[in-house]
């Protein structure tokens, strides 16, 4: 049996484009003698569809797409994901389903059993879990078809009421097939391979695992679809962060002829735990790919073409500008330099040199005159009061107004440059430097931003060395440095990581060696600035716990405040 895997990038709710892409892959597989082609979870509608699932028309369009795909499934079997209706009165109206199409018929439908309801996932809001488990038969082979989370419980997790494969194995399947929409984070790749291996070793069956790729606003799916035999040998591993098709021959004696040489994956264990210590250098190359995909898909799927970045000569805006130029092409990216009387000359020249290195257009609009006009207008109210955060934030808001003016005038999307350390501690100005349509670095701590800058410069100096070497500063007053308000980042970031990613409380963090007073101060900053993050733009997610949809804490709360 010639089995194809179609690792594709879908557009949520774009049934016409998704269906055309699926059918094109089916036709290609048929031309190459394919017997069965496997697509990813909810491929017809895109994942995660969220509250679109509450619209009857959305479901009807999905079912109409299944009917169209069914017509293409004549000489080839097709496993494809789409919501289906729950015919029973009890429970929710929908299932998250996989359809087996063949001979232009629906040969079978299986439903997802384990509906994730944590972090970025909220499937139990929409779907009813499967209440029965049956294998699908195709060309004399017995297929144990599961959907994403169904393979992540091996019967030892008390949170789940059922282990789907424990039920399916009773029917003596020949192979496991999993349709997945498993997102990227910098801890997840090893865990994904590990969980596939645990399944094949436990059930003594090979697995075909098809994952989606693409960015859906905040969430990035990285692909990495694979085929693993029952001994845990990784026969085929598809590329990450790109669309691809692969095939593998499953012989009558249940051995495989792979498109790649068979190789053994070294890990036998499921690696899911978030690393105990913060490592800013971990998986920088993968995060780089994830952010590029996040930018490209946000623009491509929204129909945007042009980006604008407020370029300050600092590390954050430099990295965002470099990523934007790589993702969209420098001809589609404009930098706006907005120096004030507090900006150092090297900040301006560094920003200019960066744009010259990248080849993007840049404009310079000094803001000192505008700032002075604001000071004059506010003088009757501010008279006799010292220069403080009000004047600092005023500069940031002037810059925000300027860059948004260019955004509106020329139809460019503003890419925000705030990093996770700043967002965590509230070191940012609402309606100023927190403005933007997409948060590019909002899930990277400052030390990770530096690591990413070094990675961008791995072959040649793109980001001027001075930008990387100089002390970080908002330059909102003379001789200002970030360390005037925050601890040094090599102290701050590990504490934030323990609190945000690992959900460690103050006692646990202090026990790791952090200063008690400093730890308490930092955690209070995080909690007291939730109101700012609640108004922030979508953030490209690369960590296991990002600000946004996957982290829901009260704005008005007493914990550590």
Protein backbone atom coordinates (compact mmCIF):
# COMPACT_ATOMS: atom_id res chain seq x y z
CA UNK A 1 0.00 0.00 0.00
CA UNK A 2 1.41 3.36 -1.08
CA UNK A 3 0.56 5.84 1.71
CA UNK A 4 0.94 9.57 1.16
CA UNK A 5 1.14 12.26 3.84
CA UNK A 6 0.00 15.77 2.88
CA UNK A 7 1.48 18.35 5.26
CA UNK A 8 -0.38 21.50 4.28
CA UNK A 9 -0.99 25.08 5.39
CA UNK A 10 -4.69 25.90 5.66
CA UNK A 11 -6.58 29.17 5.98
CA UNK A 12 -9.27 29.03 8.65
CA UNK A 13 -12.71 29.30 7.08
CA UNK A 14 -11.38 29.52 3.52
CA UNK A 15 -13.18 26.39 2.36
CA UNK A 16 -12.64 27.07 -1.32
CA UNK A 17 -8.85 27.43 -1.04
CA UNK A 18 -8.49 24.59 1.46
CA UNK A 19 -10.58 22.23 -0.65
CA UNK A 20 -8.64 23.11 -3.79
CA UNK A 21 -5.36 22.44 -1.99
CA UNK A 22 -6.59 19.10 -0.65
CA UNK A 23 -7.89 17.97 -4.04
CA UNK A 24 -4.65 19.02 -5.75
CA UNK A 25 -2.71 16.80 -3.33
CA UNK A 26 -5.13 13.93 -3.96
CA UNK A 27 -4.61 14.25 -7.71
CA UNK A 28 -0.83 14.32 -7.29
CA UNK A 29 -0.94 11.22 -5.09
CA UNK A 30 -3.13 9.42 -7.62
CA UNK A 31 -0.68 10.23 -10.42
CA UNK A 32 2.09 8.68 -8.33
CA UNK A 33 0.14 5.48 -7.66
CA UNK A 34 -1.07 6.36 -4.19
CA UNK A 35 -3.50 4.05 -2.41
CA UNK A 36 -4.21 6.25 0.61
CA UNK A 37 -3.51 9.90 1.41
CA UNK A 38 -3.65 11.33 4.93
CA UNK A 39 -4.34 14.96 5.79
CA UNK A 40 -4.19 16.74 9.14
CA UNK A 41 -6.77 17.51 11.81
CA UNK A 42 -9.71 19.73 10.70
CA UNK A 43 -7.92 20.29 7.41
CA UNK A 44 -11.10 21.21 5.57
CA UNK A 45 -11.89 24.21 7.78
CA UNK A 46 -8.47 24.93 9.30
CA UNK A 47 -7.45 24.69 12.94
CA UNK A 48 -8.45 26.17 15.37
CA UNK A 49 -11.78 27.45 14.02
CA UNK A 50 -12.99 28.52 17.49
CA UNK A 51 -16.33 30.34 17.52
CA UNK A 52 -16.76 30.00 13.77
CA UNK A 53 -18.00 26.55 14.82
CA UNK A 54 -21.07 28.22 16.33
CA UNK A 55 -22.28 29.26 12.87
CA UNK A 56 -24.46 26.73 11.08
CA UNK A 57 -23.31 28.08 7.72
CA UNK A 58 -19.68 27.37 8.64
CA UNK A 59 -20.52 23.72 9.35
CA UNK A 60 -22.58 23.43 6.17
CA UNK A 61 -19.69 24.77 4.09
CA UNK A 62 -17.42 22.18 5.67
CA UNK A 63 -19.80 19.35 4.86
CA UNK A 64 -20.16 20.65 1.30
CA UNK A 65 -16.38 20.60 0.99
CA UNK A 66 -16.32 16.98 2.19
CA UNK A 67 -18.82 16.17 -0.54
CA UNK A 68 -16.58 17.79 -3.14
CA UNK A 69 -13.47 16.00 -1.87
CA UNK A 70 -15.44 12.73 -1.90
CA UNK A 71 -15.82 13.07 -5.68
CA UNK A 72 -12.01 13.18 -6.04
CA UNK A 73 -11.58 10.12 -3.82
CA UNK A 74 -12.35 7.60 -6.52
CA UNK A 75 -9.32 5.34 -6.94
CA UNK A 76 -7.57 6.51 -3.78
CA UNK A 77 -8.52 6.48 -0.13
CA UNK A 78 -8.56 9.86 1.63
CA UNK A 79 -8.37 10.53 5.37
CA UNK A 80 -9.32 14.14 5.98
CA UNK A 81 -10.43 16.19 8.99
CA UNK A 82 -13.66 18.17 9.30
CA UNK A 83 -16.35 18.80 11.93
CA UNK A 84 -19.34 16.46 11.80
CA UNK A 85 -22.73 16.72 13.41
CA UNK A 86 -23.73 14.81 16.53
CA UNK A 87 -26.97 13.03 15.70
CA UNK A 88 -27.69 12.22 19.34
CA UNK A 89 -29.74 14.57 21.46
CA UNK A 90 -27.26 14.41 24.30
CA UNK A 91 -24.11 16.47 24.36
CA UNK A 92 -22.78 19.15 22.08
CA UNK A 93 -23.83 19.44 18.46
CA UNK A 94 -20.46 18.66 16.85
CA UNK A 95 -17.63 16.18 16.73
CA UNK A 96 -14.05 16.81 15.68
CA UNK A 97 -13.88 14.09 13.05
CA UNK A 98 -11.78 12.27 10.49
CA UNK A 99 -13.49 11.05 7.33
CA UNK A 100 -12.38 8.05 5.28
CA UNK A 101 -13.40 8.69 1.68
CA UNK A 102 -13.01 6.08 -1.07
CA UNK A 103 -14.78 5.08 -4.27
CA UNK A 104 -16.53 8.47 -4.02
CA UNK A 105 -18.22 7.38 -0.81
CA UNK A 106 -17.86 8.10 2.87
CA UNK A 107 -16.55 4.76 4.11
CA UNK A 108 -16.30 5.73 7.75
CA UNK A 109 -16.05 8.56 10.27
CA UNK A 110 -14.14 8.56 13.54
CA UNK A 111 -14.41 11.19 16.24
CA UNK A 112 -11.81 12.69 18.52
CA UNK A 113 -12.01 11.33 22.04
CA UNK A 114 -9.69 13.54 24.06
CA UNK A 115 -10.59 17.20 23.67
CA UNK A 116 -7.83 19.45 24.98
CA UNK A 117 -9.03 22.22 27.21
CA UNK A 118 -5.83 23.87 28.44
CA UNK A 119 -3.43 26.62 27.40
CA UNK A 120 -4.36 27.64 23.83
CA UNK A 121 -6.87 24.80 23.41
CA UNK A 122 -10.60 24.99 24.16
CA UNK A 123 -12.09 22.17 22.10
CA UNK A 124 -14.47 21.05 24.82
CA UNK A 125 -16.23 24.38 24.33
CA UNK A 126 -17.43 23.16 20.93
CA UNK A 127 -17.13 19.41 20.52
CA UNK A 128 -18.57 16.30 22.07
CA UNK A 129 -15.99 13.58 22.78
CA UNK A 130 -16.33 10.25 21.00
CA UNK A 131 -18.52 7.72 22.77
CA UNK A 132 -17.55 4.67 20.69
CA UNK A 133 -14.34 3.45 19.09
CA UNK A 134 -14.13 1.46 15.89
CA UNK A 135 -11.37 0.73 13.45
CA UNK A 136 -11.77 1.57 9.76
CA UNK A 137 -11.18 -1.08 7.10
CA UNK A 138 -9.46 -0.11 3.88
CA UNK A 139 -8.24 -2.50 1.19
CA UNK A 140 -8.20 -5.35 3.66
CA UNK A 141 -6.19 -3.42 6.26
CA UNK A 142 -7.53 -2.46 9.65
CA UNK A 143 -6.78 1.19 10.47
CA UNK A 144 -6.77 2.58 14.00
CA UNK A 145 -7.44 6.25 13.25
CA UNK A 146 -7.02 8.81 16.00
CA UNK A 147 -6.95 12.59 16.11
CA UNK A 148 -4.11 14.59 17.67
CA UNK A 149 -4.58 14.53 21.46
CA UNK A 150 -5.92 10.97 21.32
CA UNK A 151 -2.38 9.58 21.25
CA UNK A 152 -1.08 11.81 24.05
CA UNK A 153 -2.78 9.75 26.75
CA UNK A 154 -1.41 6.23 27.06
CA UNK A 155 -3.82 5.21 29.79
CA UNK A 156 -1.84 6.64 32.69
CA UNK A 157 -3.32 10.15 32.90
CA UNK A 158 -6.15 10.45 35.47
CA UNK A 159 -7.42 13.62 33.76
CA UNK A 160 -8.72 11.55 30.85
CA UNK A 161 -11.61 9.15 31.11
CA UNK A 162 -10.46 6.96 28.24
CA UNK A 163 -7.43 5.92 26.26
CA UNK A 164 -8.67 5.57 22.67
CA UNK A 165 -5.91 3.22 21.53
CA UNK A 166 -6.58 0.91 24.46
CA UNK A 167 -10.07 0.49 22.99
CA UNK A 168 -8.99 0.27 19.36
CA UNK A 169 -6.24 -2.28 19.99
CA UNK A 170 -8.92 -4.76 21.08
CA UNK A 171 -10.07 -4.85 17.45
CA UNK A 172 -6.62 -5.95 16.23
CA UNK A 173 -5.69 -3.08 13.91
CA UNK A 174 -2.76 -3.35 11.53
CA UNK A 175 -1.57 0.25 11.68
CA UNK A 176 -2.16 3.49 13.61
CA UNK A 177 -2.88 6.74 11.76
CA UNK A 178 -3.05 10.07 13.56
CA UNK A 179 -4.40 13.31 12.07
CA UNK A 180 -2.87 16.14 14.05
CA UNK A 181 -2.75 19.89 14.56
CA UNK A 182 0.08 20.05 17.05
CA UNK A 183 1.54 23.56 17.50
CA UNK A 184 5.16 24.56 17.78
CA UNK A 185 6.89 25.64 20.91
CA UNK A 186 10.58 25.36 21.64
CA UNK A 187 10.04 22.32 23.90
CA UNK A 188 7.63 20.36 21.71
CA UNK A 189 9.51 18.64 18.89
CA UNK A 190 11.22 16.03 21.07
CA UNK A 191 7.99 15.41 22.99
CA UNK A 192 6.07 14.78 19.80
CA UNK A 193 8.54 12.18 18.56
CA UNK A 194 8.63 10.67 22.01
CA UNK A 195 4.88 10.25 22.25
CA UNK A 196 4.69 8.65 18.80
CA UNK A 197 7.43 6.25 19.83
CA UNK A 198 5.68 5.40 23.08
CA UNK A 199 2.55 4.50 21.15
CA UNK A 200 4.29 2.28 18.60
CA UNK A 201 6.22 0.44 21.30
CA UNK A 202 3.20 0.00 23.58
CA UNK A 203 0.85 -1.28 20.88
CA UNK A 204 3.49 -2.95 18.67
CA UNK A 205 2.08 -1.16 15.62
CA UNK A 206 3.52 1.32 13.12
CA UNK A 207 2.16 4.86 13.07
CA UNK A 208 1.54 7.34 10.29
CA UNK A 209 1.41 10.80 11.86
CA UNK A 210 0.30 13.79 9.76
CA UNK A 211 0.65 17.26 11.28
CA UNK A 212 -0.37 20.61 9.83
CA UNK A 213 1.91 23.59 9.27
CA UNK A 214 1.24 27.31 9.11
CA UNK A 215 0.48 30.18 11.43
CA UNK A 216 -3.03 30.95 12.58
CA UNK A 217 -2.72 34.43 14.13
CA UNK A 218 -0.77 33.63 17.32
CA UNK A 219 -0.29 29.88 16.92
CA UNK A 220 2.40 28.42 14.70
CA UNK A 221 2.14 24.81 13.48
CA UNK A 222 5.47 23.38 12.42
CA UNK A 223 4.70 20.15 10.60
CA UNK A 224 7.28 17.43 11.20
CA UNK A 225 4.90 14.69 10.02
CA UNK A 226 6.42 11.24 10.32
CA UNK A 227 6.13 7.51 9.85
CA UNK A 228 7.51 5.24 12.56
CA UNK A 229 7.57 1.46 12.44
CA UNK A 230 6.57 -0.78 15.32
CA UNK A 231 10.17 -1.01 16.53
CA UNK A 232 10.38 2.76 16.99
CA UNK A 233 12.47 3.37 13.88
CA UNK A 234 11.73 6.74 12.31
CA UNK A 235 11.27 5.88 8.64
CA UNK A 236 10.15 9.23 7.29
CA UNK A 237 10.29 12.67 8.87
CA UNK A 238 8.90 15.54 6.86
CA UNK A 239 10.37 19.05 6.95
CA UNK A 240 9.46 21.65 9.53
CA UNK A 241 7.75 24.98 8.83
CA UNK A 242 7.01 24.20 5.19
CA UNK A 243 4.39 22.41 3.13
CA UNK A 244 5.40 19.04 1.76
CA UNK A 245 4.19 15.66 0.59
CA UNK A 246 5.82 12.33 1.27
CA UNK A 247 4.98 8.71 0.57
CA UNK A 248 5.99 5.39 1.98
CA UNK A 249 5.28 1.83 0.80
CA UNK A 250 3.68 -0.43 3.39
CA UNK A 251 4.32 -3.97 2.20
CA UNK A 252 2.10 -7.01 2.55
CA UNK A 253 4.45 -8.39 5.19
CA UNK A 254 3.92 -5.10 7.08
CA UNK A 255 7.45 -3.85 6.47
CA UNK A 256 8.11 -0.47 4.89
CA UNK A 257 10.01 0.82 1.91
CA UNK A 258 10.67 4.42 2.92
CA UNK A 259 11.40 7.49 0.85
CA UNK A 260 14.26 8.17 3.27
CA UNK A 261 16.79 5.76 4.74
CA UNK A 262 15.51 4.20 7.93
CA UNK A 263 17.09 5.67 11.03
CA UNK A 264 16.60 5.27 14.72
CA UNK A 265 15.33 8.11 16.85
CA UNK A 266 17.40 8.09 20.01
CA UNK A 267 14.73 8.93 22.56
CA UNK A 268 12.45 6.27 23.99
CA UNK A 269 10.75 8.55 26.47
CA UNK A 270 7.99 11.10 26.04
CA UNK A 271 9.68 14.45 26.71
CA UNK A 272 6.96 16.91 27.70
CA UNK A 273 8.27 18.70 30.74
CA UNK A 274 9.19 22.36 30.35
CA UNK A 275 12.95 22.60 31.03
CA UNK A 276 13.69 23.31 34.69
CA UNK A 277 16.08 26.15 33.91
CA UNK A 278 15.94 29.02 31.47
CA UNK A 279 18.22 28.61 28.45
CA UNK A 280 18.05 31.66 26.15
CA UNK A 281 20.01 29.82 23.45
CA UNK A 282 17.61 26.87 23.20
CA UNK A 283 16.21 26.19 19.73
CA UNK A 284 16.96 29.66 18.40
CA UNK A 285 16.99 28.42 14.80
CA UNK A 286 13.51 26.89 15.19
CA UNK A 287 12.16 30.06 16.83
CA UNK A 288 13.59 32.05 13.95
CA UNK A 289 11.70 29.84 11.46
CA UNK A 290 8.51 29.99 13.54
CA UNK A 291 8.49 33.79 13.69
CA UNK A 292 9.18 34.12 9.98
CA UNK A 293 6.24 31.82 9.26
CA UNK A 294 4.12 33.76 11.75
CA UNK A 295 4.80 37.05 9.97
CA UNK A 296 4.34 35.63 6.46
CA UNK A 297 1.06 33.90 7.22
CA UNK A 298 -0.37 36.82 9.19
CA UNK A 299 0.23 39.08 6.20
CA UNK A 300 -0.61 36.53 3.51
CA UNK A 301 -3.84 35.28 5.06
CA UNK A 302 -5.02 38.78 5.97
CA UNK A 303 -4.19 40.16 2.54
CA UNK A 304 -1.56 42.58 3.82
CA UNK A 305 1.63 43.29 1.87
CA UNK A 306 3.46 46.17 3.57
CA UNK A 307 4.94 46.45 7.05
CA UNK A 308 6.28 49.37 9.04
CA UNK A 309 8.62 49.24 12.03
CA UNK A 310 9.57 52.04 14.42
CA UNK A 311 13.36 51.70 14.30
CA UNK A 312 15.11 53.12 17.35
CA UNK A 313 18.63 51.77 17.00
CA UNK A 314 17.88 49.32 19.83
CA UNK A 315 18.08 45.54 19.78
CA UNK A 316 14.33 44.82 19.73
CA UNK A 317 13.42 47.00 16.77
CA UNK A 318 16.56 45.82 14.95
CA UNK A 319 15.57 42.17 15.27
CA UNK A 320 11.97 42.88 14.25
CA UNK A 321 13.11 44.85 11.22
CA UNK A 322 15.51 42.09 10.16
CA UNK A 323 12.82 39.43 10.55
CA UNK A 324 10.26 41.51 8.66
CA UNK A 325 12.64 42.05 5.76
CA UNK A 326 13.44 38.34 5.62
CA UNK A 327 9.78 37.31 5.84
CA UNK A 328 8.25 39.89 3.49
CA UNK A 329 11.17 41.17 1.43
CA UNK A 330 12.93 44.48 2.19
CA UNK A 331 10.98 46.21 -0.58
CA UNK A 332 7.81 45.67 1.48
CA UNK A 333 9.16 47.01 4.77
CA UNK A 334 9.55 50.63 5.83
CA UNK A 335 11.46 51.76 8.91
CA UNK A 336 10.57 55.01 10.65
CA UNK A 337 13.26 56.66 12.77
CA UNK A 338 11.81 59.00 15.39
CA UNK A 339 14.72 60.51 17.31
CA UNK A 340 14.21 62.93 20.19
CA UNK A 341 16.57 65.21 22.08
CA UNK A 342 17.35 62.19 24.28
CA UNK A 343 18.36 59.91 21.40
CA UNK A 344 22.08 59.34 21.11
CA UNK A 345 23.73 60.01 17.79
CA UNK A 346 24.87 56.39 17.53
CA UNK A 347 21.28 55.19 17.95
CA UNK A 348 20.33 57.11 14.83
CA UNK A 349 23.39 56.04 12.85
CA UNK A 350 22.98 52.43 14.00
CA UNK A 351 19.35 52.42 12.82
CA UNK A 352 20.37 53.94 9.50
CA UNK A 353 23.14 51.39 9.02
CA UNK A 354 20.75 48.54 9.82
CA UNK A 355 18.37 49.65 7.06
CA UNK A 356 21.26 50.02 4.64
CA UNK A 357 22.38 46.48 5.48
CA UNK A 358 18.86 45.15 4.97
CA UNK A 359 18.05 47.22 1.92
CA UNK A 360 14.73 48.56 3.23
CA UNK A 361 13.46 52.11 2.86
CA UNK A 362 13.58 54.34 5.93
CA UNK A 363 12.32 57.79 6.88
CA UNK A 364 13.43 60.04 9.73
CA UNK A 365 11.04 62.35 11.57
CA UNK A 366 12.53 64.05 14.66
CA UNK A 367 9.94 64.42 17.43
CA UNK A 368 11.58 67.05 19.63
CA UNK A 369 9.53 69.90 18.15
CA UNK A 370 6.25 68.01 18.61
CA UNK A 371 7.26 67.08 22.16
CA UNK A 372 8.00 70.73 22.98
CA UNK A 373 4.59 71.72 21.70
CA UNK A 374 2.98 69.16 24.00
CA UNK A 375 5.07 70.47 26.91
CA UNK A 376 3.92 74.01 26.18
CA UNK A 377 0.29 72.96 25.96
CA UNK A 378 0.53 71.04 29.24
CA UNK A 379 2.57 73.68 31.06
CA UNK A 380 -0.40 75.33 32.82
CA UNK A 381 -1.35 71.97 34.35
CA UNK A 382 2.18 70.56 34.86
CA UNK A 383 3.66 73.82 36.17
CA UNK A 384 6.17 73.29 38.99
CA UNK A 385 6.10 69.50 38.69
CA UNK A 386 9.27 67.53 37.94
CA UNK A 387 9.94 65.66 34.69
CA UNK A 388 8.80 62.08 35.24
CA UNK A 389 7.08 59.12 33.58
CA UNK A 390 4.38 61.40 32.16
CA UNK A 391 6.88 63.13 29.90
CA UNK A 392 8.61 59.84 29.12
CA UNK A 393 5.37 58.19 28.06
CA UNK A 394 4.40 61.28 26.10
CA UNK A 395 7.39 60.74 23.82
CA UNK A 396 6.43 57.12 23.30
CA UNK A 397 2.86 58.11 22.46
CA UNK A 398 4.05 60.74 20.00
CA UNK A 399 6.08 58.04 18.29
CA UNK A 400 3.06 55.74 18.33
CA UNK A 401 0.91 58.43 16.72
CA UNK A 402 3.56 59.13 14.07
CA UNK A 403 4.12 55.54 13.05
CA UNK A 404 0.37 54.83 13.01
CA UNK A 405 -0.11 57.88 10.78
CA UNK A 406 2.26 56.36 8.23
CA UNK A 407 0.56 53.01 8.70
CA UNK A 408 -2.82 54.54 7.84
CA UNK A 409 -1.53 56.70 5.01
CA UNK A 410 0.36 53.97 3.18
CA UNK A 411 -1.57 50.86 4.25
CA UNK A 412 1.33 49.34 6.17
CA UNK A 413 0.85 47.08 9.19
CA UNK A 414 2.80 48.18 12.25
CA UNK A 415 4.92 45.37 13.69
CA UNK A 416 5.27 45.74 17.43
CA UNK A 417 8.76 45.44 18.93
CA UNK A 418 8.01 44.75 22.63
CA UNK A 419 9.68 41.67 24.10
CA UNK A 420 8.34 39.29 26.75
CA UNK A 421 10.49 40.72 29.55
CA UNK A 422 9.03 44.18 28.96
CA UNK A 423 5.47 42.93 28.59
CA UNK A 424 5.80 40.84 31.74
CA UNK A 425 6.94 43.75 33.90
CA UNK A 426 4.89 46.50 32.31
CA UNK A 427 7.95 48.23 30.88
CA UNK A 428 6.02 49.69 27.96
CA UNK A 429 3.60 52.49 27.17
CA UNK A 430 0.00 51.84 26.22
CA UNK A 431 -0.86 53.57 22.94
CA UNK A 432 2.85 54.22 22.45
CA UNK A 433 5.47 51.54 21.99
CA UNK A 434 2.79 48.91 22.72
CA UNK A 435 0.91 49.84 19.54
CA UNK A 436 0.90 47.47 16.60
CA UNK A 437 -0.95 44.86 14.60
CA UNK A 438 1.27 41.87 15.45
CA UNK A 439 3.67 41.22 18.33
CA UNK A 440 6.78 39.74 16.76
CA UNK A 441 8.96 39.36 19.88
CA UNK A 442 6.27 39.27 22.56
CA UNK A 443 7.01 35.63 23.41
CA UNK A 444 10.81 36.04 23.58
CA UNK A 445 12.56 37.20 26.71
CA UNK A 446 15.21 39.87 26.24
CA UNK A 447 18.05 37.37 26.45
CA UNK A 448 16.37 35.30 23.74
CA UNK A 449 16.14 38.43 21.58
CA UNK A 450 19.91 38.83 21.88
CA UNK A 451 20.36 35.16 20.99
CA UNK A 452 18.14 35.64 17.94
CA UNK A 453 20.14 38.72 16.90
CA UNK A 454 23.33 36.68 17.02
CA UNK A 455 21.64 33.96 14.98
CA UNK A 456 20.54 36.49 12.35
CA UNK A 457 24.20 37.58 12.16
CA UNK A 458 25.46 33.99 11.91
CA UNK A 459 26.80 34.40 8.36
CA UNK A 460 27.35 38.13 8.08
CA UNK A 461 26.81 41.27 10.11
CA UNK A 462 23.25 42.32 9.36
CA UNK A 463 22.45 43.87 12.72
CA UNK A 464 25.29 46.31 13.49
CA UNK A 465 27.50 45.04 16.28
CA UNK A 466 27.00 48.21 18.29
CA UNK A 467 23.26 47.53 18.55
CA UNK A 468 23.99 44.15 20.13
CA UNK A 469 26.78 45.36 22.41
CA UNK A 470 25.36 48.57 23.87
CA UNK A 471 23.33 48.69 27.09
CA UNK A 472 19.59 48.59 26.35
CA UNK A 473 17.76 51.88 26.84
CA UNK A 474 14.37 53.41 26.02
CA UNK A 475 16.15 56.80 25.64
CA UNK A 476 13.25 58.76 27.14
CA UNK A 477 15.53 60.83 29.35
CA UNK A 478 19.23 61.61 29.45
CA UNK A 479 21.50 58.63 30.16
CA UNK A 480 18.53 56.29 30.74
CA UNK A 481 19.14 52.54 30.86
CA UNK A 482 16.68 49.66 31.26
CA UNK A 483 18.61 48.63 34.39
CA UNK A 484 17.49 51.89 36.07
CA UNK A 485 14.00 50.41 36.34
CA UNK A 486 14.53 46.66 35.96
CA UNK A 487 17.10 44.13 37.18
CA UNK A 488 19.70 43.07 34.65
CA UNK A 489 18.07 40.75 32.16
CA UNK A 490 20.24 37.78 33.06
CA UNK A 491 18.68 38.05 36.54
CA UNK A 492 15.17 39.06 35.49
CA UNK A 493 14.50 36.57 32.69
CA UNK A 494 15.13 33.36 34.68
CA UNK A 495 12.72 34.56 37.39
CA UNK A 496 10.06 35.42 34.82
CA UNK A 497 10.57 32.04 33.14
CA UNK A 498 10.01 30.19 36.40
CA UNK A 499 6.84 32.15 37.12
CA UNK A 500 5.29 32.26 33.63
CA UNK A 501 6.45 29.12 31.82
CA UNK A 502 6.85 26.83 34.83
CA UNK A 503 4.12 28.33 37.03
CA UNK A 504 6.36 28.37 40.08
CA UNK A 505 5.24 30.48 43.04
CA UNK A 506 7.47 32.84 45.03
CA UNK A 507 8.52 30.19 47.55
CA UNK A 508 9.68 27.81 44.82
CA UNK A 509 11.54 30.55 42.96
CA UNK A 510 13.27 31.79 46.09
CA UNK A 511 14.25 28.21 46.90
CA UNK A 512 16.09 28.12 43.56
CA UNK A 513 18.35 30.88 44.82
CA UNK A 514 16.60 34.10 43.78
CA UNK A 515 16.68 37.07 46.10
CA UNK A 516 13.41 37.12 48.12
CA UNK A 517 12.74 40.86 47.90
CA UNK A 518 13.59 41.00 44.22
CA UNK A 519 11.46 37.96 43.45
CA UNK A 520 8.45 39.45 45.23
CA UNK A 521 8.90 42.75 43.38
CA UNK A 522 9.14 41.09 39.98
CA UNK A 523 6.12 38.86 40.47
CA UNK A 524 4.05 41.81 41.61
CA UNK A 525 5.08 43.70 38.49
CA UNK A 526 3.87 40.79 36.37
CA UNK A 527 0.48 40.58 38.05
CA UNK A 528 -0.12 44.32 38.33
CA UNK A 529 0.47 44.88 34.62
CA UNK A 530 -2.04 42.37 33.29
CA UNK A 531 -4.28 45.28 32.27
CA UNK A 532 -1.65 46.40 29.77
CA UNK A 533 -1.22 42.96 28.22
CA UNK A 534 -4.98 42.60 27.96
CA UNK A 535 -4.94 45.47 25.43
CA UNK A 536 -1.92 44.20 23.48
CA UNK A 537 -1.93 42.91 19.90
CA UNK A 538 -1.67 39.18 19.01
CA UNK A 539 1.75 37.67 19.81
CA UNK A 540 3.47 35.00 17.72
CA UNK A 541 3.71 32.05 20.12
CA UNK A 542 7.02 30.18 20.39
CA UNK A 543 7.06 29.17 24.07
CA UNK A 544 4.95 26.69 26.01
CA UNK A 545 3.24 29.58 27.85
CA UNK A 546 2.77 32.79 25.91
CA UNK A 547 0.87 35.93 26.84
CA UNK A 548 -2.49 35.96 25.08
CA UNK A 549 -5.11 33.27 24.57
CA UNK A 550 -3.11 30.60 26.39
CA UNK A 551 -2.62 32.58 29.61
CA UNK A 552 -5.82 33.77 31.23
CA UNK A 553 -5.31 35.47 34.56
CA UNK A 554 -7.58 38.11 36.13
CA UNK A 555 -6.79 41.77 35.63
CA UNK A 556 -8.30 42.56 39.02
CA UNK A 557 -6.80 40.00 41.38
CA UNK A 558 -5.05 39.97 44.73
CA UNK A 559 -2.50 37.18 44.19
CA UNK A 560 0.97 38.66 44.87
CA UNK A 561 -0.34 42.20 44.32
